[in-house]
Amino acid sequence: YESISQDVLTDEKWLGFVIGQILSNALKYTRTGGIRIYLE
């Protein structure tokens, strides 16, 4: 993960919940290797 200098119009609490859920799933189902987070 590299720092992302981008603002978005959103609700911080609820978007944080979604990103946390996605990370939780990724961690639950990843045994080796890792996770990559990036912006396109």
PDB file of all heavy atoms in Angstrom:
ATOM      1  N   TYR A   1       0.843  -1.186   0.000  1.00  0.00           N
ATOM      2  CA  TYR A   1       0.000   0.000   0.000  1.00  0.00           C
ATOM      3  C   TYR A   1       0.882   1.240   0.000  1.00  0.00           C
ATOM      4  O   TYR A   1       1.794   1.347   0.809  1.00  0.00           O
ATOM      5  CB  TYR A   1      -0.923   0.029   1.228  1.00  0.00           C
ATOM      6  CG  TYR A   1      -1.737   1.289   1.325  1.00  0.00           C
ATOM      7  CD1 TYR A   1      -2.763   1.546   0.423  1.00  0.00           C
ATOM      8  CD2 TYR A   1      -1.465   2.245   2.297  1.00  0.00           C
ATOM      9  CE1 TYR A   1      -3.502   2.713   0.493  1.00  0.00           C
ATOM     10  CE2 TYR A   1      -2.197   3.407   2.383  1.00  0.00           C
ATOM     11  CZ  TYR A   1      -3.219   3.637   1.478  1.00  0.00           C
ATOM     12  OH  TYR A   1      -3.937   4.803   1.549  1.00  0.00           O
ATOM     13  N   GLU A   2       0.598   2.149  -0.918  1.00  0.00           N
ATOM     14  CA  GLU A   2       1.261   3.449  -0.939  1.00  0.00           C
ATOM     15  C   GLU A   2       0.214   4.513  -0.662  1.00  0.00           C
ATOM     16  O   GLU A   2      -0.941   4.390  -1.089  1.00  0.00           O
ATOM     17  CB  GLU A   2       1.906   3.694  -2.304  1.00  0.00           C
ATOM     18  CG  GLU A   2       3.094   2.802  -2.568  1.00  0.00           C
ATOM     19  CD  GLU A   2       3.737   3.090  -3.923  1.00  0.00           C
ATOM     20  OE1 GLU A   2       3.505   4.177  -4.483  1.00  0.00           O
ATOM     21  OE2 GLU A   2       4.451   2.215  -4.398  1.00  0.00           O
ATOM     22  N   SER A   3       0.619   5.536   0.011  1.00  0.00           N
ATOM     23  CA  SER A   3      -0.282   6.620   0.367  1.00  0.00           C
ATOM     24  C   SER A   3      -1.078   7.107  -0.847  1.00  0.00           C
ATOM     25  O   SER A   3      -0.540   7.237  -1.942  1.00  0.00           O
ATOM     26  CB  SER A   3       0.543   7.771   0.953  1.00  0.00           C
ATOM     27  OG  SER A   3      -0.305   8.812   1.333  1.00  0.00           O
ATOM     28  N   ILE A   4      -2.359   7.366  -0.617  1.00  0.00           N
ATOM     29  CA  ILE A   4      -3.245   7.858  -1.672  1.00  0.00           C
ATOM     30  C   ILE A   4      -3.656   9.276  -1.303  1.00  0.00           C
ATOM     31  O   ILE A   4      -4.285   9.492  -0.265  1.00  0.00           O
ATOM     32  CB  ILE A   4      -4.495   6.956  -1.798  1.00  0.00           C
ATOM     33  CG1 ILE A   4      -4.095   5.571  -2.283  1.00  0.00           C
ATOM     34  CG2 ILE A   4      -5.529   7.589  -2.717  1.00  0.00           C
ATOM     35  CD1 ILE A   4      -5.225   4.559  -2.276  1.00  0.00           C
ATOM     36  N   SER A   5      -3.303  10.227  -2.137  1.00  0.00           N
ATOM     37  CA  SER A   5      -3.667  11.619  -1.851  1.00  0.00           C
ATOM     38  C   SER A   5      -4.917  11.980  -2.655  1.00  0.00           C
ATOM     39  O   SER A   5      -4.858  12.679  -3.649  1.00  0.00           O
ATOM     40  CB  SER A   5      -2.516  12.567  -2.182  1.00  0.00           C
ATOM     41  OG  SER A   5      -2.181  12.440  -3.545  1.00  0.00           O
ATOM     42  N   GLN A   6      -6.042  11.454  -2.187  1.00  0.00           N
ATOM     43  CA  GLN A   6      -7.301  11.665  -2.898  1.00  0.00           C
ATOM     44  C   GLN A   6      -8.434  11.792  -1.889  1.00  0.00           C
ATOM     45  O   GLN A   6      -8.548  10.989  -0.974  1.00  0.00           O
ATOM     46  CB  GLN A   6      -7.577  10.480  -3.826  1.00  0.00           C
ATOM     47  CG  GLN A   6      -8.806  10.626  -4.668  1.00  0.00           C
ATOM     48  CD  GLN A   6      -8.666  11.722  -5.699  1.00  0.00           C
ATOM     49  OE1 GLN A   6      -7.724  11.748  -6.462  1.00  0.00           O
ATOM     50  NE2 GLN A   6      -9.593  12.651  -5.702  1.00  0.00           N
ATOM     51  N   ASP A   7      -9.250  12.813  -2.068  1.00  0.00           N
ATOM     52  CA  ASP A   7     -10.452  12.949  -1.266  1.00  0.00           C
ATOM     53  C   ASP A   7     -11.631  12.398  -2.055  1.00  0.00           C
ATOM     54  O   ASP A   7     -11.642  12.454  -3.289  1.00  0.00           O
ATOM     55  CB  ASP A   7     -10.728  14.415  -0.932  1.00  0.00           C
ATOM     56  CG  ASP A   7      -9.744  14.982   0.077  1.00  0.00           C
ATOM     57  OD1 ASP A   7      -9.022  14.193   0.719  1.00  0.00           O
ATOM     58  OD2 ASP A   7      -9.695  16.217   0.215  1.00  0.00           O
ATOM     59  N   VAL A   8     -12.609  11.871  -1.345  1.00  0.00           N
ATOM     60  CA  VAL A   8     -13.844  11.421  -1.974  1.00  0.00           C
ATOM     61  C   VAL A   8     -15.021  11.968  -1.178  1.00  0.00           C
ATOM     62  O   VAL A   8     -14.917  12.197   0.027  1.00  0.00           O
ATOM     63  CB  VAL A   8     -13.942   9.879  -2.064  1.00  0.00           C
ATOM     64  CG1 VAL A   8     -12.928   9.324  -3.038  1.00  0.00           C
ATOM     65  CG2 VAL A   8     -13.789   9.216  -0.710  1.00  0.00           C
ATOM     66  N   LEU A   9     -16.138  12.189  -1.867  1.00  0.00           N
ATOM     67  CA  LEU A   9     -17.358  12.615  -1.200  1.00  0.00           C
ATOM     68  C   LEU A   9     -18.053  11.355  -0.703  1.00  0.00           C
ATOM     69  O   LEU A   9     -18.504  10.523  -1.504  1.00  0.00           O
ATOM     70  CB  LEU A   9     -18.263  13.386  -2.166  1.00  0.00           C
ATOM     71  CG  LEU A   9     -19.567  13.904  -1.569  1.00  0.00           C
ATOM     72  CD1 LEU A   9     -19.289  14.885  -0.436  1.00  0.00           C
ATOM     73  CD2 LEU A   9     -20.415  14.560  -2.643  1.00  0.00           C
ATOM     74  N   THR A  10     -18.090  11.188   0.610  1.00  0.00           N
ATOM     75  CA  THR A  10     -18.610   9.948   1.179  1.00  0.00           C
ATOM     76  C   THR A  10     -18.944  10.167   2.642  1.00  0.00           C
ATOM     77  O   THR A  10     -18.794  11.269   3.172  1.00  0.00           O
ATOM     78  CB  THR A  10     -17.577   8.807   1.007  1.00  0.00           C
ATOM     79  OG1 THR A  10     -18.216   7.559   1.250  1.00  0.00           O
ATOM     80  CG2 THR A  10     -16.368   8.979   1.907  1.00  0.00           C
ATOM     81  N   ASP A  11     -19.359   9.131   3.294  1.00  0.00           N
ATOM     82  CA  ASP A  11     -19.515   9.116   4.742  1.00  0.00           C
ATOM     83  C   ASP A  11     -18.348   8.300   5.293  1.00  0.00           C
ATOM     84  O   ASP A  11     -18.227   7.112   4.994  1.00  0.00           O
ATOM     85  CB  ASP A  11     -20.852   8.475   5.131  1.00  0.00           C
ATOM     86  CG  ASP A  11     -21.062   8.466   6.634  1.00  0.00           C
ATOM     87  OD1 ASP A  11     -20.357   7.689   7.326  1.00  0.00           O
ATOM     88  OD2 ASP A  11     -21.911   9.219   7.118  1.00  0.00           O
ATOM     89  N   GLU A  12     -17.493   8.948   6.053  1.00  0.00           N
ATOM     90  CA  GLU A  12     -16.259   8.318   6.524  1.00  0.00           C
ATOM     91  C   GLU A  12     -16.517   7.043   7.324  1.00  0.00           C
ATOM     92  O   GLU A  12     -15.848   6.027   7.135  1.00  0.00           O
ATOM     93  CB  GLU A  12     -15.471   9.327   7.362  1.00  0.00           C
ATOM     94  CG  GLU A  12     -14.122   8.844   7.785  1.00  0.00           C
ATOM     95  CD  GLU A  12     -13.282   9.943   8.431  1.00  0.00           C
ATOM     96  OE1 GLU A  12     -13.688  11.123   8.423  1.00  0.00           O
ATOM     97  OE2 GLU A  12     -12.205   9.591   8.943  1.00  0.00           O
ATOM     98  N   LYS A  13     -17.479   7.078   8.209  1.00  0.00           N
ATOM     99  CA  LYS A  13     -17.782   5.922   9.059  1.00  0.00           C
ATOM    100  C   LYS A  13     -18.236   4.731   8.226  1.00  0.00           C
ATOM    101  O   LYS A  13     -17.737   3.614   8.388  1.00  0.00           O
ATOM    102  CB  LYS A  13     -18.872   6.301  10.071  1.00  0.00           C
ATOM    103  CG  LYS A  13     -19.420   5.135  10.867  1.00  0.00           C
ATOM    104  CD  LYS A  13     -20.534   5.617  11.779  1.00  0.00           C
ATOM    105  CE  LYS A  13     -21.668   4.632  11.776  1.00  0.00           C
ATOM    106  NZ  LYS A  13     -22.802   5.079  12.572  1.00  0.00           N
ATOM    107  N   TRP A  14     -19.165   4.953   7.318  1.00  0.00           N
ATOM    108  CA  TRP A  14     -19.731   3.853   6.543  1.00  0.00           C
ATOM    109  C   TRP A  14     -18.761   3.322   5.494  1.00  0.00           C
ATOM    110  O   TRP A  14     -18.678   2.112   5.273  1.00  0.00           O
ATOM    111  CB  TRP A  14     -21.068   4.242   5.924  1.00  0.00           C
ATOM    112  CG  TRP A  14     -22.123   4.347   6.984  1.00  0.00           C
ATOM    113  CD1 TRP A  14     -22.718   5.487   7.443  1.00  0.00           C
ATOM    114  CD2 TRP A  14     -22.683   3.275   7.743  1.00  0.00           C
ATOM    115  NE1 TRP A  14     -23.620   5.184   8.452  1.00  0.00           N
ATOM    116  CE2 TRP A  14     -23.621   3.827   8.647  1.00  0.00           C
ATOM    117  CE3 TRP A  14     -22.495   1.896   7.751  1.00  0.00           C
ATOM    118  CZ2 TRP A  14     -24.355   3.051   9.539  1.00  0.00           C
ATOM    119  CZ3 TRP A  14     -23.236   1.124   8.638  1.00  0.00           C
ATOM    120  CH2 TRP A  14     -24.145   1.703   9.520  1.00  0.00           C
ATOM    121  N   LEU A  15     -17.987   4.210   4.858  1.00  0.00           N
ATOM    122  CA  LEU A  15     -16.981   3.729   3.914  1.00  0.00           C
ATOM    123  C   LEU A  15     -15.906   2.946   4.670  1.00  0.00           C
ATOM    124  O   LEU A  15     -15.421   1.921   4.189  1.00  0.00           O
ATOM    125  CB  LEU A  15     -16.353   4.871   3.115  1.00  0.00           C
ATOM    126  CG  LEU A  15     -15.321   4.429   2.076  1.00  0.00           C
ATOM    127  CD1 LEU A  15     -15.926   3.470   1.053  1.00  0.00           C
ATOM    128  CD2 LEU A  15     -14.714   5.637   1.386  1.00  0.00           C
ATOM    129  N   GLY A  16     -15.551   3.397   5.863  1.00  0.00           N
ATOM    130  CA  GLY A  16     -14.595   2.666   6.693  1.00  0.00           C
ATOM    131  C   GLY A  16     -15.113   1.267   7.018  1.00  0.00           C
ATOM    132  O   GLY A  16     -14.357   0.296   7.002  1.00  0.00           O
ATOM    133  N   PHE A  17     -16.411   1.152   7.294  1.00  0.00           N
ATOM    134  CA  PHE A  17     -17.008  -0.151   7.552  1.00  0.00           C
ATOM    135  C   PHE A  17     -16.832  -1.070   6.343  1.00  0.00           C
ATOM    136  O   PHE A  17     -16.447  -2.236   6.481  1.00  0.00           O
ATOM    137  CB  PHE A  17     -18.502  -0.004   7.885  1.00  0.00           C
ATOM    138  CG  PHE A  17     -19.218  -1.325   7.976  1.00  0.00           C
ATOM    139  CD1 PHE A  17     -19.238  -2.039   9.158  1.00  0.00           C
ATOM    140  CD2 PHE A  17     -19.852  -1.871   6.860  1.00  0.00           C
ATOM    141  CE1 PHE A  17     -19.888  -3.271   9.241  1.00  0.00           C
ATOM    142  CE2 PHE A  17     -20.500  -3.097   6.930  1.00  0.00           C
ATOM    143  CZ  PHE A  17     -20.512  -3.795   8.121  1.00  0.00           C
ATOM    144  N   VAL A  18     -17.100  -0.547   5.139  1.00  0.00           N
ATOM    145  CA  VAL A  18     -16.998  -1.353   3.916  1.00  0.00           C
ATOM    146  C   VAL A  18     -15.558  -1.794   3.688  1.00  0.00           C
ATOM    147  O   VAL A  18     -15.290  -2.978   3.446  1.00  0.00           O
ATOM    148  CB  VAL A  18     -17.542  -0.583   2.697  1.00  0.00           C
ATOM    149  CG1 VAL A  18     -17.228  -1.320   1.395  1.00  0.00           C
ATOM    150  CG2 VAL A  18     -19.039  -0.341   2.834  1.00  0.00           C
ATOM    151  N   ILE A  19     -14.622  -0.867   3.778  1.00  0.00           N
ATOM    152  CA  ILE A  19     -13.213  -1.217   3.561  1.00  0.00           C
ATOM    153  C   ILE A  19     -12.751  -2.228   4.613  1.00  0.00           C
ATOM    154  O   ILE A  19     -12.051  -3.191   4.302  1.00  0.00           O
ATOM    155  CB  ILE A  19     -12.326   0.049   3.550  1.00  0.00           C
ATOM    156  CG1 ILE A  19     -12.640   0.875   2.299  1.00  0.00           C
ATOM    157  CG2 ILE A  19     -10.843  -0.309   3.602  1.00  0.00           C
ATOM    158  CD1 ILE A  19     -11.997   2.252   2.263  1.00  0.00           C
ATOM    159  N   GLY A  20     -13.181  -2.051   5.847  1.00  0.00           N
ATOM    160  CA  GLY A  20     -12.854  -3.005   6.903  1.00  0.00           C
ATOM    161  C   GLY A  20     -13.421  -4.390   6.610  1.00  0.00           C
ATOM    162  O   GLY A  20     -12.746  -5.403   6.825  1.00  0.00           O
ATOM    163  N   GLN A  21     -14.630  -4.445   6.104  1.00  0.00           N
ATOM    164  CA  GLN A  21     -15.246  -5.728   5.772  1.00  0.00           C
ATOM    165  C   GLN A  21     -14.476  -6.419   4.649  1.00  0.00           C
ATOM    166  O   GLN A  21     -14.236  -7.630   4.709  1.00  0.00           O
ATOM    167  CB  GLN A  21     -16.711  -5.505   5.349  1.00  0.00           C
ATOM    168  CG  GLN A  21     -17.441  -6.782   5.019  1.00  0.00           C
ATOM    169  CD  GLN A  21     -17.520  -7.724   6.199  1.00  0.00           C
ATOM    170  OE1 GLN A  21     -17.923  -7.344   7.287  1.00  0.00           O
ATOM    171  NE2 GLN A  21     -17.131  -8.971   5.991  1.00  0.00           N
ATOM    172  N   ILE A  22     -14.073  -5.661   3.652  1.00  0.00           N
ATOM    173  CA  ILE A  22     -13.319  -6.227   2.526  1.00  0.00           C
ATOM    174  C   ILE A  22     -11.964  -6.744   3.015  1.00  0.00           C
ATOM    175  O   ILE A  22     -11.538  -7.840   2.653  1.00  0.00           O
ATOM    176  CB  ILE A  22     -13.131  -5.186   1.400  1.00  0.00           C
ATOM    177  CG1 ILE A  22     -14.477  -4.644   0.899  1.00  0.00           C
ATOM    178  CG2 ILE A  22     -12.301  -5.752   0.261  1.00  0.00           C
ATOM    179  CD1 ILE A  22     -15.489  -5.650   0.452  1.00  0.00           C
ATOM    180  N   LEU A  23     -11.283  -5.952   3.853  1.00  0.00           N
ATOM    181  CA  LEU A  23     -10.003  -6.402   4.417  1.00  0.00           C
ATOM    182  C   LEU A  23     -10.188  -7.648   5.282  1.00  0.00           C
ATOM    183  O   LEU A  23      -9.380  -8.582   5.218  1.00  0.00           O
ATOM    184  CB  LEU A  23      -9.349  -5.295   5.236  1.00  0.00           C
ATOM    185  CG  LEU A  23      -8.578  -4.242   4.468  1.00  0.00           C
ATOM    186  CD1 LEU A  23      -8.071  -3.151   5.422  1.00  0.00           C
ATOM    187  CD2 LEU A  23      -7.419  -4.855   3.714  1.00  0.00           C
ATOM    188  N   SER A  24     -11.236  -7.669   6.081  1.00  0.00           N
ATOM    189  CA  SER A  24     -11.509  -8.822   6.928  1.00  0.00           C
ATOM    190  C   SER A  24     -11.684 -10.090   6.091  1.00  0.00           C
ATOM    191  O   SER A  24     -11.115 -11.137   6.403  1.00  0.00           O
ATOM    192  CB  SER A  24     -12.766  -8.561   7.763  1.00  0.00           C
ATOM    193  OG  SER A  24     -13.146  -9.718   8.466  1.00  0.00           O
ATOM    194  N   ASN A  25     -12.462  -9.991   5.013  1.00  0.00           N
ATOM    195  CA  ASN A  25     -12.645 -11.141   4.126  1.00  0.00           C
ATOM    196  C   ASN A  25     -11.337 -11.560   3.473  1.00  0.00           C
ATOM    197  O   ASN A  25     -11.025 -12.750   3.395  1.00  0.00           O
ATOM    198  CB  ASN A  25     -13.678 -10.825   3.041  1.00  0.00           C
ATOM    199  CG  ASN A  25     -15.097 -10.889   3.553  1.00  0.00           C
ATOM    200  OD1 ASN A  25     -15.358 -11.278   4.686  1.00  0.00           O
ATOM    201  ND2 ASN A  25     -16.026 -10.485   2.714  1.00  0.00           N
ATOM    202  N   ALA A  26     -10.574 -10.582   3.001  1.00  0.00           N
ATOM    203  CA  ALA A  26      -9.295 -10.890   2.355  1.00  0.00           C
ATOM    204  C   ALA A  26      -8.374 -11.619   3.329  1.00  0.00           C
ATOM    205  O   ALA A  26      -7.731 -12.613   2.974  1.00  0.00           O
ATOM    206  CB  ALA A  26      -8.638  -9.614   1.835  1.00  0.00           C
ATOM    207  N   LEU A  27      -8.314 -11.143   4.557  1.00  0.00           N
ATOM    208  CA  LEU A  27      -7.468 -11.782   5.563  1.00  0.00           C
ATOM    209  C   LEU A  27      -7.984 -13.170   5.933  1.00  0.00           C
ATOM    210  O   LEU A  27      -7.198 -14.099   6.147  1.00  0.00           O
ATOM    211  CB  LEU A  27      -7.372 -10.901   6.806  1.00  0.00           C
ATOM    212  CG  LEU A  27      -6.527  -9.644   6.645  1.00  0.00           C
ATOM    213  CD1 LEU A  27      -6.806  -8.649   7.764  1.00  0.00           C
ATOM    214  CD2 LEU A  27      -5.050  -9.995   6.576  1.00  0.00           C
ATOM    215  N   LYS A  28      -9.274 -13.321   5.997  1.00  0.00           N
ATOM    216  CA  LYS A  28      -9.879 -14.613   6.361  1.00  0.00           C
ATOM    217  C   LYS A  28      -9.560 -15.698   5.332  1.00  0.00           C
ATOM    218  O   LYS A  28      -9.303 -16.842   5.687  1.00  0.00           O
ATOM    219  CB  LYS A  28     -11.398 -14.450   6.478  1.00  0.00           C
ATOM    220  CG  LYS A  28     -12.104 -15.683   6.999  1.00  0.00           C
ATOM    221  CD  LYS A  28     -13.632 -15.590   6.942  1.00  0.00           C
ATOM    222  CE  LYS A  28     -14.217 -14.342   7.505  1.00  0.00           C
ATOM    223  NZ  LYS A  28     -15.693 -14.335   7.490  1.00  0.00           N
ATOM    224  N   TYR A  29      -9.552 -15.308   4.046  1.00  0.00           N
ATOM    225  CA  TYR A  29      -9.407 -16.301   2.985  1.00  0.00           C
ATOM    226  C   TYR A  29      -8.029 -16.301   2.315  1.00  0.00           C
ATOM    227  O   TYR A  29      -7.848 -16.932   1.289  1.00  0.00           O
ATOM    228  CB  TYR A  29     -10.510 -16.113   1.944  1.00  0.00           C
ATOM    229  CG  TYR A  29     -11.883 -16.375   2.526  1.00  0.00           C
ATOM    230  CD1 TYR A  29     -12.786 -15.341   2.732  1.00  0.00           C
ATOM    231  CD2 TYR A  29     -12.253 -17.659   2.904  1.00  0.00           C
ATOM    232  CE1 TYR A  29     -14.039 -15.585   3.273  1.00  0.00           C
ATOM    233  CE2 TYR A  29     -13.504 -17.915   3.457  1.00  0.00           C
ATOM    234  CZ  TYR A  29     -14.397 -16.873   3.635  1.00  0.00           C
ATOM    235  OH  TYR A  29     -15.628 -17.119   4.176  1.00  0.00           O
ATOM    236  N   THR A  30      -7.060 -15.587   2.884  1.00  0.00           N
ATOM    237  CA  THR A  30      -5.701 -15.574   2.341  1.00  0.00           C
ATOM    238  C   THR A  30      -4.775 -16.268   3.327  1.00  0.00           C
ATOM    239  O   THR A  30      -4.637 -15.830   4.470  1.00  0.00           O
ATOM    240  CB  THR A  30      -5.218 -14.124   2.072  1.00  0.00           C
ATOM    241  OG1 THR A  30      -6.129 -13.512   1.159  1.00  0.00           O
ATOM    242  CG2 THR A  30      -3.825 -14.110   1.483  1.00  0.00           C
ATOM    243  N   ARG A  31      -4.154 -17.333   2.863  1.00  0.00           N
ATOM    244  CA  ARG A  31      -3.260 -18.107   3.739  1.00  0.00           C
ATOM    245  C   ARG A  31      -1.800 -17.751   3.513  1.00  0.00           C
ATOM    246  O   ARG A  31      -0.993 -17.789   4.434  1.00  0.00           O
ATOM    247  CB  ARG A  31      -3.488 -19.597   3.503  1.00  0.00           C
ATOM    248  CG  ARG A  31      -4.880 -20.027   3.922  1.00  0.00           C
ATOM    249  CD  ARG A  31      -5.101 -21.520   3.762  1.00  0.00           C
ATOM    250  NE  ARG A  31      -6.480 -21.842   4.086  1.00  0.00           N
ATOM    251  CZ  ARG A  31      -7.375 -22.271   3.200  1.00  0.00           C
ATOM    252  NH1 ARG A  31      -7.029 -22.456   1.943  1.00  0.00           N
ATOM    253  NH2 ARG A  31      -8.607 -22.529   3.577  1.00  0.00           N
ATOM    254  N   THR A  32      -1.440 -17.456   2.262  1.00  0.00           N
ATOM    255  CA  THR A  32      -0.065 -17.066   1.928  1.00  0.00           C
ATOM    256  C   THR A  32      -0.112 -15.898   0.961  1.00  0.00           C
ATOM    257  O   THR A  32      -1.128 -15.650   0.311  1.00  0.00           O
ATOM    258  CB  THR A  32       0.715 -18.227   1.263  1.00  0.00           C
ATOM    259  OG1 THR A  32       0.057 -18.577   0.047  1.00  0.00           O
ATOM    260  CG2 THR A  32       0.806 -19.431   2.178  1.00  0.00           C
ATOM    261  N   GLY A  33       1.008 -15.209   0.854  1.00  0.00           N
ATOM    262  CA  GLY A  33       1.063 -14.068  -0.067  1.00  0.00           C
ATOM    263  C   GLY A  33       0.682 -12.806   0.656  1.00  0.00           C
ATOM    264  O   GLY A  33       1.263 -12.459   1.677  1.00  0.00           O
ATOM    265  N   GLY A  34      -0.330 -12.135   0.137  1.00  0.00           N
ATOM    266  CA  GLY A  34      -0.701 -10.901   0.788  1.00  0.00           C
ATOM    267  C   GLY A  34      -1.835 -10.158   0.121  1.00  0.00           C
ATOM    268  O   GLY A  34      -2.562 -10.685  -0.712  1.00  0.00           O
ATOM    269  N   ILE A  35      -1.934  -8.895   0.505  1.00  0.00           N
ATOM    270  CA  ILE A  35      -3.007  -8.017   0.051  1.00  0.00           C
ATOM    271  C   ILE A  35      -2.381  -6.753  -0.508  1.00  0.00           C
ATOM    272  O   ILE A  35      -1.433  -6.210   0.065  1.00  0.00           O
ATOM    273  CB  ILE A  35      -3.963  -7.694   1.216  1.00  0.00           C
ATOM    274  CG1 ILE A  35      -4.646  -8.995   1.680  1.00  0.00           C
ATOM    275  CG2 ILE A  35      -4.994  -6.647   0.810  1.00  0.00           C
ATOM    276  CD1 ILE A  35      -5.411  -8.878   2.974  1.00  0.00           C
ATOM    277  N   ARG A  36      -2.917  -6.315  -1.613  1.00  0.00           N
ATOM    278  CA  ARG A  36      -2.446  -5.096  -2.278  1.00  0.00           C
ATOM    279  C   ARG A  36      -3.616  -4.130  -2.384  1.00  0.00           C
ATOM    280  O   ARG A  36      -4.707  -4.521  -2.795  1.00  0.00           O
ATOM    281  CB  ARG A  36      -1.924  -5.469  -3.659  1.00  0.00           C
ATOM    282  CG  ARG A  36      -1.373  -4.337  -4.442  1.00  0.00           C
ATOM    283  CD  ARG A  36      -0.744  -4.852  -5.736  1.00  0.00           C
ATOM    284  NE  ARG A  36      -0.479  -3.739  -6.602  1.00  0.00           N
ATOM    285  CZ  ARG A  36      -0.787  -3.690  -7.888  1.00  0.00           C
ATOM    286  NH1 ARG A  36      -1.356  -4.722  -8.469  1.00  0.00           N
ATOM    287  NH2 ARG A  36      -0.515  -2.626  -8.592  1.00  0.00           N
ATOM    288  N   ILE A  37      -3.381  -2.879  -2.005  1.00  0.00           N
ATOM    289  CA  ILE A  37      -4.420  -1.849  -2.061  1.00  0.00           C
ATOM    290  C   ILE A  37      -3.881  -0.708  -2.917  1.00  0.00           C
ATOM    291  O   ILE A  37      -2.805  -0.173  -2.633  1.00  0.00           O
ATOM    292  CB  ILE A  37      -4.773  -1.322  -0.655  1.00  0.00           C
ATOM    293  CG1 ILE A  37      -5.202  -2.478   0.252  1.00  0.00           C
ATOM    294  CG2 ILE A  37      -5.854  -0.253  -0.738  1.00  0.00           C
ATOM    295  CD1 ILE A  37      -5.357  -2.087   1.713  1.00  0.00           C
ATOM    296  N   TYR A  38      -4.635  -0.338  -3.948  1.00  0.00           N
ATOM    297  CA  TYR A  38      -4.184   0.746  -4.824  1.00  0.00           C
ATOM    298  C   TYR A  38      -5.369   1.444  -5.474  1.00  0.00           C
ATOM    299  O   TYR A  38      -6.503   0.949  -5.449  1.00  0.00           O
ATOM    300  CB  TYR A  38      -3.205   0.230  -5.874  1.00  0.00           C
ATOM    301  CG  TYR A  38      -3.722  -0.888  -6.759  1.00  0.00           C
ATOM    302  CD1 TYR A  38      -4.223  -0.626  -8.020  1.00  0.00           C
ATOM    303  CD2 TYR A  38      -3.695  -2.213  -6.323  1.00  0.00           C
ATOM    304  CE1 TYR A  38      -4.687  -1.656  -8.832  1.00  0.00           C
ATOM    305  CE2 TYR A  38      -4.152  -3.241  -7.125  1.00  0.00           C
ATOM    306  CZ  TYR A  38      -4.648  -2.957  -8.380  1.00  0.00           C
ATOM    307  OH  TYR A  38      -5.112  -3.976  -9.182  1.00  0.00           O
ATOM    308  N   LEU A  39      -5.092   2.593  -6.052  1.00  0.00           N
ATOM    309  CA  LEU A  39      -6.118   3.427  -6.667  1.00  0.00           C
ATOM    310  C   LEU A  39      -5.884   3.504  -8.165  1.00  0.00           C
ATOM    311  O   LEU A  39      -4.746   3.668  -8.606  1.00  0.00           O
ATOM    312  CB  LEU A  39      -6.062   4.842  -6.062  1.00  0.00           C
ATOM    313  CG  LEU A  39      -7.178   5.798  -6.451  1.00  0.00           C
ATOM    314  CD1 LEU A  39      -8.506   5.362  -5.847  1.00  0.00           C
ATOM    315  CD2 LEU A  39      -6.833   7.204  -5.984  1.00  0.00           C
ATOM    316  N   GLU A  40      -6.951   3.361  -8.919  1.00  0.00           N
ATOM    317  CA  GLU A  40      -6.902   3.590 -10.360  1.00  0.00           C
ATOM    318  C   GLU A  40      -7.788   4.782 -10.678  1.00  0.00           C
ATOM    319  O   GLU A  40      -8.868   4.921 -10.105  1.00  0.00           O
ATOM    320  CB  GLU A  40      -7.417   2.378 -11.147  1.00  0.00           C
ATOM    321  CG  GLU A  40      -6.410   1.311 -11.342  1.00  0.00           C
ATOM    322  CD  GLU A  40      -6.864   0.245 -12.332  1.00  0.00           C
ATOM    323  OE1 GLU A  40      -8.016   0.278 -12.803  1.00  0.00           O
ATOM    324  OE2 GLU A  40      -6.044  -0.627 -12.606  1.00  0.00           O
TER     325      GLU A  40
END
